[in-house]
Amino acid sequence: MATVQTQYLGDLRTESVHLQSGSKLITDAPTDNHGKGEAFSPTDLVATALGACMFTIMGIAAKTHGFTVDGAKVETTKVMGTNPRRIVELITEVTLPHNNYSAKEKKIIELTAKECPVFNSLHPEMKKTITFVYGG
């Protein structure tokens, strides 16, 4: 069964439906590529997927090892290239809410961030920079 159904609405806008939950998502082309920039662009969703996936895998690992990453935030900067137009780099800064993590817990957090399926699915030539800030 399909996971997502996407409909082109016109004027460089789409609506996607997550078929299991019915959740809807709108995309719009960015202003630097003929769009209005009124919603996430498709490439913004790649950046979003990376952060969300990292947190999902980090959350599973934290729960397994008896600690939490609740309240953590990630900011992702997307760097676009040309010829062909593509994402050439994703720069992520993960901020954890406190610095009470043990050295083992920090290692788990940092290793699992790079083991998420989205990270592993991105083209190997795409630069992926991840930094961690504890106690932010």
Foldseek 3Di string as FASTA:
>chain_A
DDQKDKDDPDQQKIWIAGVVPRDIAMAWDCPVPNTDNPHHHPVSVLLVVLQVQLQVQLQVLCVVVPHGQPPKDKDWDFDWDVPPTDTQEIAMEIEGQADPDDPVSVVSSVVSSCVGPSNVPDDPRRYYHYHYHHND
